[in-house]
Amino acid sequence: MKKRIYETMYEKLVKLGIINEDGGLKFDEYLKLKSKSFMDLNIDHLSHTDDDRSIVISLAHNFIQNGDVMADPDMEVKIIPSMKMVEALTFQQDSTGTYQQVYLEDGRFYPTLKKDLNNFLNSWLKNLIEQGFSNN
């Protein structure tokens, strides 16, 4: 059976050393991954459900412009350990003034945006691995 993009991204977070095989975070609140010649990757633990059924983290490259920290990009990502799945929730690119959110407060979502952001996240994670980012 072919893996869906959600399972593939989960495996990439494991490979990067951000989560364990069981979906637990390999850090408490904050993690910084480095690779030569590339901007650091900053990972923040944003929230989790009381039963750890889902965990939300942010992944971001940042730079300083006029004293302000700028996202280049910053994505919020949901990890669902029991299903070994990851999905993109938001995308922010400060230099272009872009902020996109997949889910509305009432649970509805934008199907095309969901697909686009998950495709971007999958490619970004692949690039991060190829660029040598790792916490292992």
C-alpha atoms as a PDB file:
ATOM      1  CA  MET A   1       0.000   0.000   0.000  1.00  0.00           C
ATOM      2  CA  LYS A   2       1.373   3.395  -0.970  1.00  0.00           C
ATOM      3  CA  LYS A   3       2.116   5.751   1.914  1.00  0.00           C
ATOM      4  CA  ARG A   4       0.182   8.957   2.013  1.00  0.00           C
ATOM      5  CA  ILE A   5       1.969  12.276   2.271  1.00  0.00           C
ATOM      6  CA  TYR A   6       0.989  12.539   5.966  1.00  0.00           C
ATOM      7  CA  GLU A   7       2.856   9.331   6.867  1.00  0.00           C
ATOM      8  CA  THR A   8       5.821  10.316   4.691  1.00  0.00           C
ATOM      9  CA  MET A   9       6.161  13.637   6.526  1.00  0.00           C
ATOM     10  CA  TYR A  10       5.987  11.819   9.874  1.00  0.00           C
ATOM     11  CA  GLU A  11       8.933   9.654   8.805  1.00  0.00           C
ATOM     12  CA  LYS A  12      10.843  12.784   7.765  1.00  0.00           C
ATOM     13  CA  LEU A  13      10.351  14.365  11.213  1.00  0.00           C
ATOM     14  CA  VAL A  14      11.733  11.139  12.717  1.00  0.00           C
ATOM     15  CA  LYS A  15      14.714  11.240  10.332  1.00  0.00           C
ATOM     16  CA  LEU A  16      15.403  14.882  11.255  1.00  0.00           C
ATOM     17  CA  GLY A  17      15.404  13.873  14.933  1.00  0.00           C
ATOM     18  CA  ILE A  18      12.474  16.106  15.871  1.00  0.00           C
ATOM     19  CA  ILE A  19      10.247  13.228  17.015  1.00  0.00           C
ATOM     20  CA  ASN A  20      10.786   9.629  18.116  1.00  0.00           C
ATOM     21  CA  GLU A  21       9.313   6.685  16.204  1.00  0.00           C
ATOM     22  CA  ASP A  22       6.376   6.744  18.646  1.00  0.00           C
ATOM     23  CA  GLY A  23       5.729  10.429  17.933  1.00  0.00           C
ATOM     24  CA  GLY A  24       7.110  11.845  21.144  1.00  0.00           C
ATOM     25  CA  LEU A  25       9.090  15.058  20.846  1.00  0.00           C
ATOM     26  CA  LYS A  26      12.871  14.778  21.204  1.00  0.00           C
ATOM     27  CA  PHE A  27      12.917  18.137  22.996  1.00  0.00           C
ATOM     28  CA  ASP A  28      10.899  19.960  25.642  1.00  0.00           C
ATOM     29  CA  GLU A  29      10.076  23.489  24.513  1.00  0.00           C
ATOM     30  CA  TYR A  30      12.595  24.508  21.853  1.00  0.00           C
ATOM     31  CA  LEU A  31      15.123  22.964  19.481  1.00  0.00           C
ATOM     32  CA  LYS A  32      17.554  24.503  17.005  1.00  0.00           C
ATOM     33  CA  LEU A  33      18.962  22.433  14.141  1.00  0.00           C
ATOM     34  CA  LYS A  34      21.998  23.633  12.221  1.00  0.00           C
ATOM     35  CA  SER A  35      23.560  22.852   8.864  1.00  0.00           C
ATOM     36  CA  LYS A  36      26.537  24.497   7.202  1.00  0.00           C
ATOM     37  CA  SER A  37      25.696  27.375   4.841  1.00  0.00           C
ATOM     38  CA  PHE A  38      21.976  27.372   5.685  1.00  0.00           C
ATOM     39  CA  MET A  39      19.811  29.353   8.094  1.00  0.00           C
ATOM     40  CA  ASP A  40      19.176  27.560  11.400  1.00  0.00           C
ATOM     41  CA  LEU A  41      15.915  25.658  11.703  1.00  0.00           C
ATOM     42  CA  ASN A  42      14.029  26.700  14.836  1.00  0.00           C
ATOM     43  CA  ILE A  43      11.460  24.296  16.258  1.00  0.00           C
ATOM     44  CA  ASP A  44       9.040  25.295  19.031  1.00  0.00           C
ATOM     45  CA  HIS A  45       6.609  23.079  20.937  1.00  0.00           C
ATOM     46  CA  LEU A  46       3.428  25.170  20.756  1.00  0.00           C
ATOM     47  CA  SER A  47       0.764  22.920  22.277  1.00  0.00           C
ATOM     48  CA  HIS A  48      -0.515  19.414  22.819  1.00  0.00           C
ATOM     49  CA  THR A  49      -3.726  17.780  23.921  1.00  0.00           C
ATOM     50  CA  ASP A  50      -3.816  16.515  27.510  1.00  0.00           C
ATOM     51  CA  ASP A  51      -3.710  12.915  26.297  1.00  0.00           C
ATOM     52  CA  ASP A  52      -0.940  13.689  23.739  1.00  0.00           C
ATOM     53  CA  ARG A  53      -3.213  12.608  20.889  1.00  0.00           C
ATOM     54  CA  SER A  54      -1.864  15.551  18.927  1.00  0.00           C
ATOM     55  CA  ILE A  55       1.111  17.869  19.250  1.00  0.00           C
ATOM     56  CA  VAL A  56       1.562  21.191  17.470  1.00  0.00           C
ATOM     57  CA  ILE A  57       5.030  22.500  16.682  1.00  0.00           C
ATOM     58  CA  SER A  58       6.373  25.318  14.552  1.00  0.00           C
ATOM     59  CA  LEU A  59       9.243  24.975  12.098  1.00  0.00           C
ATOM     60  CA  ALA A  60      10.929  28.195  11.050  1.00  0.00           C
ATOM     61  CA  HIS A  61      13.894  29.732   9.361  1.00  0.00           C
ATOM     62  CA  ASN A  62      14.344  33.290  10.663  1.00  0.00           C
ATOM     63  CA  PHE A  63      16.406  36.331   9.789  1.00  0.00           C
ATOM     64  CA  ILE A  64      16.712  39.806  11.270  1.00  0.00           C
ATOM     65  CA  GLN A  65      15.512  42.817   9.299  1.00  0.00           C
ATOM     66  CA  ASN A  66      15.590  46.282  10.848  1.00  0.00           C
ATOM     67  CA  GLY A  67      15.791  44.678  14.289  1.00  0.00           C
ATOM     68  CA  ASP A  68      12.726  42.472  13.749  1.00  0.00           C
ATOM     69  CA  VAL A  69      12.748  38.672  13.530  1.00  0.00           C
ATOM     70  CA  MET A  70      11.311  37.665  10.154  1.00  0.00           C
ATOM     71  CA  ALA A  71       9.927  34.218   9.264  1.00  0.00           C
ATOM     72  CA  ASP A  72      11.355  32.707   6.096  1.00  0.00           C
ATOM     73  CA  PRO A  73       9.138  30.580   6.284  1.00  0.00           C
ATOM     74  CA  ASP A  74       7.373  29.567   9.493  1.00  0.00           C
ATOM     75  CA  MET A  75       4.884  26.702   9.530  1.00  0.00           C
ATOM     76  CA  GLU A  76       2.711  25.296  12.285  1.00  0.00           C
ATOM     77  CA  VAL A  77       2.494  21.526  12.008  1.00  0.00           C
ATOM     78  CA  LYS A  78       0.272  18.990  13.783  1.00  0.00           C
ATOM     79  CA  ILE A  79       1.730  15.613  14.760  1.00  0.00           C
ATOM     80  CA  ILE A  80      -0.724  12.758  15.374  1.00  0.00           C
ATOM     81  CA  PRO A  81       1.410  10.023  16.989  1.00  0.00           C
ATOM     82  CA  SER A  82      -1.270   7.293  17.103  1.00  0.00           C
ATOM     83  CA  MET A  83      -1.701   7.513  13.319  1.00  0.00           C
ATOM     84  CA  LYS A  84       1.992   8.299  12.570  1.00  0.00           C
ATOM     85  CA  MET A  85       0.816  11.335  10.622  1.00  0.00           C
ATOM     86  CA  VAL A  86       1.824  14.965  10.268  1.00  0.00           C
ATOM     87  CA  GLU A  87      -0.135  17.778   8.615  1.00  0.00           C
ATOM     88  CA  ALA A  88       0.479  21.433   7.848  1.00  0.00           C
ATOM     89  CA  LEU A  89      -1.741  23.932   9.660  1.00  0.00           C
ATOM     90  CA  THR A  90      -0.306  27.346   8.750  1.00  0.00           C
ATOM     91  CA  PHE A  91       2.266  29.029   6.531  1.00  0.00           C
ATOM     92  CA  GLN A  92       3.861  32.426   7.156  1.00  0.00           C
ATOM     93  CA  GLN A  93       6.388  34.299   4.998  1.00  0.00           C
ATOM     94  CA  ASP A  94       7.050  37.727   6.514  1.00  0.00           C
ATOM     95  CA  SER A  95       8.964  39.191   3.568  1.00  0.00           C
ATOM     96  CA  THR A  96       5.856  38.860   1.375  1.00  0.00           C
ATOM     97  CA  GLY A  97       3.269  39.524   4.096  1.00  0.00           C
ATOM     98  CA  THR A  98       1.837  36.035   3.609  1.00  0.00           C
ATOM     99  CA  TYR A  99      -0.123  34.227   6.313  1.00  0.00           C
ATOM    100  CA  GLN A 100      -2.264  31.223   5.419  1.00  0.00           C
ATOM    101  CA  GLN A 101      -4.324  29.037   7.744  1.00  0.00           C
ATOM    102  CA  VAL A 102      -5.807  25.711   6.611  1.00  0.00           C
ATOM    103  CA  TYR A 103      -8.514  25.304   9.272  1.00  0.00           C
ATOM    104  CA  LEU A 104     -11.185  27.777  10.320  1.00  0.00           C
ATOM    105  CA  GLU A 105     -12.301  27.981  13.951  1.00  0.00           C
ATOM    106  CA  ASP A 106     -15.478  26.009  13.187  1.00  0.00           C
ATOM    107  CA  GLY A 107     -13.468  23.060  11.829  1.00  0.00           C
ATOM    108  CA  ARG A 108     -14.035  23.772   8.152  1.00  0.00           C
ATOM    109  CA  PHE A 109     -10.937  23.934   5.987  1.00  0.00           C
ATOM    110  CA  TYR A 110      -9.657  25.035   2.603  1.00  0.00           C
ATOM    111  CA  PRO A 111      -9.029  21.791   0.642  1.00  0.00           C
ATOM    112  CA  THR A 112      -6.754  23.308  -2.014  1.00  0.00           C
ATOM    113  CA  LEU A 113      -4.703  25.220   0.571  1.00  0.00           C
ATOM    114  CA  LYS A 114      -4.435  22.055   2.700  1.00  0.00           C
ATOM    115  CA  LYS A 115      -3.054  20.134  -0.266  1.00  0.00           C
ATOM    116  CA  ASP A 116      -0.681  22.947  -1.279  1.00  0.00           C
ATOM    117  CA  LEU A 117       0.734  23.477   2.219  1.00  0.00           C
ATOM    118  CA  ASN A 118       1.219  19.752   2.805  1.00  0.00           C
ATOM    119  CA  ASN A 119       3.023  19.470  -0.539  1.00  0.00           C
ATOM    120  CA  PHE A 120       5.238  22.424   0.415  1.00  0.00           C
ATOM    121  CA  LEU A 121       5.944  20.972   3.866  1.00  0.00           C
ATOM    122  CA  ASN A 122       6.816  17.580   2.376  1.00  0.00           C
ATOM    123  CA  SER A 123       9.274  19.197  -0.054  1.00  0.00           C
ATOM    124  CA  TRP A 124      10.736  21.437   2.652  1.00  0.00           C
ATOM    125  CA  LEU A 125      11.331  18.468   4.981  1.00  0.00           C
ATOM    126  CA  LYS A 126      12.999  16.581   2.118  1.00  0.00           C
ATOM    127  CA  ASN A 127      15.279  19.580   1.471  1.00  0.00           C
ATOM    128  CA  LEU A 128      16.132  19.902   5.179  1.00  0.00           C
ATOM    129  CA  ILE A 129      17.234  16.261   5.262  1.00  0.00           C
ATOM    130  CA  GLU A 130      19.276  16.669   2.065  1.00  0.00           C
ATOM    131  CA  GLN A 131      20.884  19.828   3.497  1.00  0.00           C
ATOM    132  CA  GLY A 132      22.116  17.862   6.506  1.00  0.00           C
ATOM    133  CA  PHE A 133      19.826  19.149   9.260  1.00  0.00           C
ATOM    134  CA  SER A 134      19.538  16.593  12.063  1.00  0.00           C
ATOM    135  CA  ASN A 135      19.191  16.221  15.812  1.00  0.00           C
ATOM    136  CA  ASN A 136      20.425  12.604  15.763  1.00  0.00           C
END
